[in-house]
């Protein structure tokens, strides 16, 4: 844990490597279109799992099923912490309270609120004070607010956004807004963090920073990361395992090296099996996992 942190970012009670989330035979249809077909995968505590695939492969649909925004027609999703929880039919706020948080491909922040207030909004899901005590700001409500304010300040330090803490979100650059959105998800104190294209639209320097923050969150705090990302250099550098989707089906799974040499994956991306997996080569930006 980082020096000076008074609260943990990770709410999991599992040991590293234990199964934390299991997706079993998930089928998701939109009318006559199958978005996901018999998807099976497991997520392990403290790993970085990347989900990749061409546009329309079903990546975001899978995250939406895990976070409760979509309800699959078949299959189940199990989350493990103190006990086994089936989250397939739970509402998003119930899943978030169990310890699964996410960021979105399109930024979903309160644009007219400050960075600090956006982060506190993420922590609100764990606050227990009633409306009356919160209004008078006394006793339990006051102590709770102070505790979560300290926690949010730790996240601000971790993501290096001290200088913009009081700025309104709408005045920030796109890259900083993506960082704030990840911070708001962290304020929910997750054991699994779902990131939907956290580096989309960023320049190379912003991607370097975001990759570094993801690694810090994972390696120093043990938060499990499941991310969708199209920058294959970043994916190959920071991921422990990779799951590949194509047209709603899982066509590959394994370490970066195993996926890089999987002919089905090469064909899905490049259209021919004989082509080298060029997009899987490291970009040598020195943010890879050791």
Protein backbone atom coordinates (compact mmCIF):
# COMPACT_ATOMS: atom_id res chain seq x y z
CA UNK A 1 0.00 0.00 0.00
CA UNK A 2 1.21 3.52 -0.73
CA UNK A 3 2.78 5.33 2.20
CA UNK A 4 0.34 7.69 3.87
CA UNK A 5 -2.82 5.90 2.80
CA UNK A 6 -5.26 5.66 5.69
CA UNK A 7 -7.87 3.60 3.85
CA UNK A 8 -7.64 0.67 1.49
CA UNK A 9 -8.74 0.93 -2.13
CA UNK A 10 -9.41 -2.79 -2.27
CA UNK A 11 -12.46 -4.24 -0.54
CA UNK A 12 -11.68 -7.87 -1.47
CA UNK A 13 -11.04 -10.50 1.18
CA UNK A 14 -9.55 -13.02 -1.28
CA UNK A 15 -5.93 -14.00 -1.75
CA UNK A 16 -4.13 -13.15 -4.99
CA UNK A 17 -4.91 -15.71 -7.69
CA UNK A 18 -8.22 -16.90 -6.23
CA UNK A 19 -11.25 -16.83 -8.52
CA UNK A 20 -13.05 -13.55 -7.93
CA UNK A 21 -15.60 -13.45 -10.76
CA UNK A 22 -17.01 -16.21 -12.94
CA UNK A 23 -19.05 -15.71 -16.10
CA UNK A 24 -20.91 -18.88 -17.05
CA UNK A 25 -22.62 -19.48 -20.42
CA UNK A 26 -23.79 -15.90 -20.87
CA UNK A 27 -26.16 -15.33 -23.79
CA UNK A 28 -27.30 -11.80 -24.58
CA UNK A 29 -29.72 -11.02 -27.41
CA UNK A 30 -31.10 -7.77 -28.76
CA UNK A 31 -34.15 -8.89 -30.70
CA UNK A 32 -32.86 -11.34 -33.27
CA UNK A 33 -29.23 -10.25 -32.88
CA UNK A 34 -26.96 -12.24 -30.56
CA UNK A 35 -24.52 -9.83 -28.88
CA UNK A 36 -22.94 -12.53 -26.68
CA UNK A 37 -23.04 -16.28 -27.22
CA UNK A 38 -22.14 -18.78 -24.48
CA UNK A 39 -19.40 -16.65 -22.95
CA UNK A 40 -17.37 -18.32 -20.20
CA UNK A 41 -14.48 -16.72 -18.35
CA UNK A 42 -12.98 -16.37 -14.89
CA UNK A 43 -11.34 -13.33 -13.30
CA UNK A 44 -8.70 -13.87 -10.63
CA UNK A 45 -7.99 -11.66 -7.66
CA UNK A 46 -5.29 -9.02 -8.28
CA UNK A 47 -4.81 -9.66 -12.01
CA UNK A 48 -5.15 -7.35 -14.99
CA UNK A 49 -7.45 -9.02 -17.51
CA UNK A 50 -7.85 -7.34 -20.90
CA UNK A 51 -10.86 -7.97 -23.14
CA UNK A 52 -10.07 -7.23 -26.77
CA UNK A 53 -11.74 -7.71 -30.13
CA UNK A 54 -12.82 -5.81 -33.24
CA UNK A 55 -15.56 -3.19 -33.04
CA UNK A 56 -18.92 -4.83 -32.40
CA UNK A 57 -17.37 -7.92 -30.83
CA UNK A 58 -19.48 -7.63 -27.65
CA UNK A 59 -16.83 -6.26 -25.27
CA UNK A 60 -18.87 -3.43 -23.76
CA UNK A 61 -21.97 -5.64 -23.70
CA UNK A 62 -20.06 -8.08 -21.50
CA UNK A 63 -19.04 -5.33 -19.06
CA UNK A 64 -22.64 -4.12 -19.04
CA UNK A 65 -23.79 -7.60 -18.03
CA UNK A 66 -21.23 -7.79 -15.23
CA UNK A 67 -22.13 -4.33 -13.89
CA UNK A 68 -25.89 -4.91 -14.09
CA UNK A 69 -26.77 -2.53 -16.93
CA UNK A 70 -27.82 -5.47 -19.12
CA UNK A 71 -29.53 -8.67 -18.05
CA UNK A 72 -28.54 -11.69 -20.15
CA UNK A 73 -31.21 -14.09 -21.35
CA UNK A 74 -29.19 -17.13 -20.26
CA UNK A 75 -26.28 -17.96 -17.98
CA UNK A 76 -25.12 -16.50 -14.70
CA UNK A 77 -22.40 -14.28 -13.25
CA UNK A 78 -20.91 -15.13 -9.86
CA UNK A 79 -18.89 -12.78 -7.67
CA UNK A 80 -16.83 -14.09 -4.77
CA UNK A 81 -15.77 -12.16 -1.69
CA UNK A 82 -16.89 -13.11 1.81
CA UNK A 83 -19.23 -15.59 0.09
CA UNK A 84 -20.62 -16.43 -3.34
CA UNK A 85 -22.95 -13.81 -4.81
CA UNK A 86 -24.93 -14.32 -7.99
CA UNK A 87 -25.10 -10.86 -9.54
CA UNK A 88 -26.85 -11.77 -12.80
CA UNK A 89 -30.17 -10.23 -11.79
CA UNK A 90 -28.98 -7.60 -9.32
CA UNK A 91 -29.37 -3.87 -9.95
CA UNK A 92 -26.25 -1.79 -10.73
CA UNK A 93 -26.14 -0.09 -7.31
CA UNK A 94 -26.37 -3.47 -5.57
CA UNK A 95 -23.47 -4.82 -7.63
CA UNK A 96 -21.45 -1.68 -6.94
CA UNK A 97 -22.02 -2.05 -3.21
CA UNK A 98 -20.65 -5.61 -3.37
CA UNK A 99 -17.37 -4.28 -4.80
CA UNK A 100 -17.61 -4.04 -8.61
CA UNK A 101 -17.10 -0.53 -10.02
CA UNK A 102 -16.66 0.68 -13.58
CA UNK A 103 -15.82 3.60 -15.81
CA UNK A 104 -17.49 4.19 -19.16
CA UNK A 105 -16.35 4.52 -22.75
CA UNK A 106 -18.17 7.85 -22.94
CA UNK A 107 -17.39 10.04 -19.95
CA UNK A 108 -20.28 10.04 -17.45
CA UNK A 109 -19.26 12.72 -14.96
CA UNK A 110 -21.21 15.62 -13.43
CA UNK A 111 -19.72 18.30 -15.64
CA UNK A 112 -20.81 21.30 -13.57
CA UNK A 113 -19.50 19.85 -10.30
CA UNK A 114 -15.92 20.01 -9.05
CA UNK A 115 -13.47 17.13 -9.26
CA UNK A 116 -13.70 16.69 -5.48
CA UNK A 117 -17.51 16.55 -5.51
CA UNK A 118 -17.49 14.01 -8.36
CA UNK A 119 -15.22 11.75 -6.34
CA UNK A 120 -17.36 12.15 -3.22
CA UNK A 121 -20.38 11.16 -5.34
CA UNK A 122 -18.64 7.84 -6.00
CA UNK A 123 -18.07 7.27 -2.28
CA UNK A 124 -21.72 8.06 -1.51
CA UNK A 125 -22.79 4.47 -2.19
CA UNK A 126 -21.11 3.38 1.06
CA UNK A 127 -22.44 6.20 3.24
CA UNK A 128 -25.01 5.17 5.83
CA UNK A 129 -26.14 8.48 7.33
CA UNK A 130 -29.83 9.33 7.02
CA UNK A 131 -31.11 12.49 5.35
CA UNK A 132 -31.78 14.37 8.60
CA UNK A 133 -28.33 13.84 10.14
CA UNK A 134 -26.71 14.71 6.80
CA UNK A 135 -28.62 18.00 6.59
CA UNK A 136 -27.60 19.17 10.05
CA UNK A 137 -24.07 17.74 9.54
CA UNK A 138 -23.66 16.45 13.08
CA UNK A 139 -22.62 13.29 14.91
CA UNK A 140 -22.41 10.16 12.77
CA UNK A 141 -22.95 12.03 9.52
CA UNK A 142 -20.10 14.44 10.25
CA UNK A 143 -17.68 11.66 11.20
CA UNK A 144 -18.65 9.64 8.13
CA UNK A 145 -18.16 12.59 5.81
CA UNK A 146 -14.72 13.30 7.28
CA UNK A 147 -13.69 9.67 6.86
CA UNK A 148 -14.73 9.51 3.21
CA UNK A 149 -13.26 12.96 2.54
CA UNK A 150 -9.88 11.63 3.72
CA UNK A 151 -10.30 8.59 1.52
CA UNK A 152 -11.08 10.74 -1.51
CA UNK A 153 -8.06 12.94 -0.78
CA UNK A 154 -5.92 9.78 -0.94
CA UNK A 155 -7.31 9.02 -4.40
CA UNK A 156 -6.57 12.59 -5.50
CA UNK A 157 -2.95 12.09 -4.41
CA UNK A 158 -2.73 8.70 -6.12
CA UNK A 159 -3.97 10.05 -9.46
CA UNK A 160 -1.94 13.25 -9.17
CA UNK A 161 -4.90 15.60 -9.62
CA UNK A 162 -4.28 17.85 -6.60
CA UNK A 163 -3.98 20.97 -8.74
CA UNK A 164 -7.45 20.51 -10.28
CA UNK A 165 -9.32 19.23 -7.23
CA UNK A 166 -11.59 22.32 -7.09
CA UNK A 167 -11.98 22.78 -10.85
CA UNK A 168 -15.30 22.01 -12.50
CA UNK A 169 -15.05 18.84 -14.54
CA UNK A 170 -16.37 20.48 -17.69
CA UNK A 171 -13.37 22.83 -17.80
CA UNK A 172 -10.84 19.98 -17.89
CA UNK A 173 -9.12 18.36 -20.85
CA UNK A 174 -10.42 15.03 -22.09
CA UNK A 175 -7.49 13.12 -20.63
CA UNK A 176 -7.97 14.62 -17.16
CA UNK A 177 -11.69 13.88 -17.29
CA UNK A 178 -10.90 10.21 -17.97
CA UNK A 179 -8.60 10.24 -14.95
CA UNK A 180 -11.29 11.78 -12.76
CA UNK A 181 -13.80 9.18 -13.92
CA UNK A 182 -11.45 6.40 -12.89
CA UNK A 183 -11.02 8.16 -9.56
CA UNK A 184 -14.76 8.25 -9.03
CA UNK A 185 -14.90 4.49 -9.64
CA UNK A 186 -12.06 4.02 -7.13
CA UNK A 187 -14.01 6.05 -4.58
CA UNK A 188 -16.52 3.19 -4.58
CA UNK A 189 -13.75 1.11 -2.94
CA UNK A 190 -13.98 -1.73 -5.46
CA UNK A 191 -12.34 -5.12 -5.43
CA UNK A 192 -12.87 -5.32 -9.21
CA UNK A 193 -12.50 -2.25 -11.41
CA UNK A 194 -14.04 -2.45 -14.89
CA UNK A 195 -12.47 0.04 -17.32
CA UNK A 196 -14.11 0.55 -20.72
CA UNK A 197 -11.49 2.02 -23.06
CA UNK A 198 -9.76 4.14 -20.39
CA UNK A 199 -7.20 5.46 -22.93
CA UNK A 200 -9.49 6.18 -25.88
CA UNK A 201 -8.85 9.59 -27.42
CA UNK A 202 -5.66 10.20 -25.46
CA UNK A 203 -2.28 11.25 -26.78
CA UNK A 204 0.81 9.12 -26.09
CA UNK A 205 1.79 11.03 -22.93
CA UNK A 206 -1.70 10.72 -21.44
CA UNK A 207 -1.72 7.00 -22.24
CA UNK A 208 1.62 6.61 -20.45
CA UNK A 209 0.18 8.28 -17.36
CA UNK A 210 -3.01 6.22 -17.43
CA UNK A 211 -1.09 2.95 -17.84
CA UNK A 212 1.09 3.89 -14.87
CA UNK A 213 -1.93 4.65 -12.69
CA UNK A 214 -3.59 1.35 -13.64
CA UNK A 215 -0.44 -0.54 -12.71
CA UNK A 216 -0.18 1.33 -9.38
CA UNK A 217 -3.80 0.56 -8.52
CA UNK A 218 -3.26 -3.10 -9.36
CA UNK A 219 0.24 -3.78 -8.03
CA UNK A 220 0.29 -1.59 -4.93
CA UNK A 221 -3.33 -1.96 -3.85
CA UNK A 222 -4.26 -5.36 -5.29
CA UNK A 223 -7.36 -4.11 -7.10
CA UNK A 224 -8.36 -6.48 -9.89
CA UNK A 225 -8.59 -4.72 -13.25
CA UNK A 226 -10.76 -5.81 -16.18
CA UNK A 227 -10.25 -3.46 -19.10
CA UNK A 228 -11.31 -3.02 -22.70
CA UNK A 229 -8.63 -1.31 -24.74
CA UNK A 230 -7.82 -0.97 -28.45
CA UNK A 231 -4.17 0.06 -28.05
CA UNK A 232 -2.59 -3.35 -28.42
CA UNK A 233 0.84 -2.13 -27.35
CA UNK A 234 -0.58 -1.11 -23.98
CA UNK A 235 -2.65 -4.29 -23.68
CA UNK A 236 0.33 -6.54 -24.32
CA UNK A 237 2.52 -4.57 -21.92
CA UNK A 238 0.32 -4.39 -18.83
CA UNK A 239 -2.04 -7.40 -19.00
CA UNK A 240 -1.61 -10.68 -17.16
CA UNK A 241 -4.20 -12.42 -19.33
CA UNK A 242 -6.26 -11.52 -22.38
CA UNK A 243 -9.71 -12.66 -23.52
CA UNK A 244 -10.55 -12.17 -27.20
CA UNK A 245 -14.11 -11.73 -28.49
CA UNK A 246 -15.32 -11.71 -32.07
CA UNK A 247 -18.96 -11.40 -33.16
CA UNK A 248 -20.11 -12.18 -29.61
CA UNK A 249 -18.04 -15.34 -29.23
CA UNK A 250 -14.87 -15.98 -27.28
CA UNK A 251 -12.18 -17.05 -29.76
CA UNK A 252 -9.09 -16.88 -27.58
CA UNK A 253 -7.79 -16.62 -24.03
CA UNK A 254 -4.36 -16.72 -22.44
CA UNK A 255 -1.22 -14.78 -21.71
CA UNK A 256 -0.18 -11.99 -24.10
CA UNK A 257 2.27 -14.34 -25.82
CA UNK A 258 -0.34 -17.06 -26.23
CA UNK A 259 -2.88 -14.64 -27.68
CA UNK A 260 -0.29 -13.03 -29.95
CA UNK A 261 0.35 -16.40 -31.59
CA UNK A 262 -3.26 -17.60 -31.77
CA UNK A 263 -4.19 -17.93 -35.49
CA UNK A 264 -7.91 -17.34 -34.78
CA UNK A 265 -7.08 -14.04 -33.13
CA UNK A 266 -4.76 -13.02 -35.95
CA UNK A 267 -7.47 -13.83 -38.49
CA UNK A 268 -10.12 -11.86 -36.57
CA UNK A 269 -7.97 -8.75 -36.56
CA UNK A 270 -6.03 -8.96 -39.81
CA UNK A 271 -8.19 -11.17 -41.98
CA UNK A 272 -5.61 -13.82 -42.79
CA UNK A 273 -3.91 -16.45 -40.68
CA UNK A 274 -0.48 -16.06 -42.21
CA UNK A 275 -0.12 -12.41 -41.18
CA UNK A 276 2.05 -11.73 -38.14
CA UNK A 277 0.30 -10.39 -35.04
CA UNK A 278 1.89 -6.98 -35.56
CA UNK A 279 -0.41 -5.06 -33.24
CA UNK A 280 0.66 -7.33 -30.38
CA UNK A 281 4.24 -6.13 -30.38
CA UNK A 282 5.35 -4.09 -27.39
CA UNK A 283 5.56 -0.36 -27.91
CA UNK A 284 8.56 -0.21 -25.53
CA UNK A 285 7.05 2.52 -23.39
CA UNK A 286 8.42 0.92 -20.21
CA UNK A 287 5.05 0.61 -18.49
CA UNK A 288 4.86 -3.18 -18.79
CA UNK A 289 4.40 -5.54 -15.87
CA UNK A 290 7.56 -7.20 -14.62
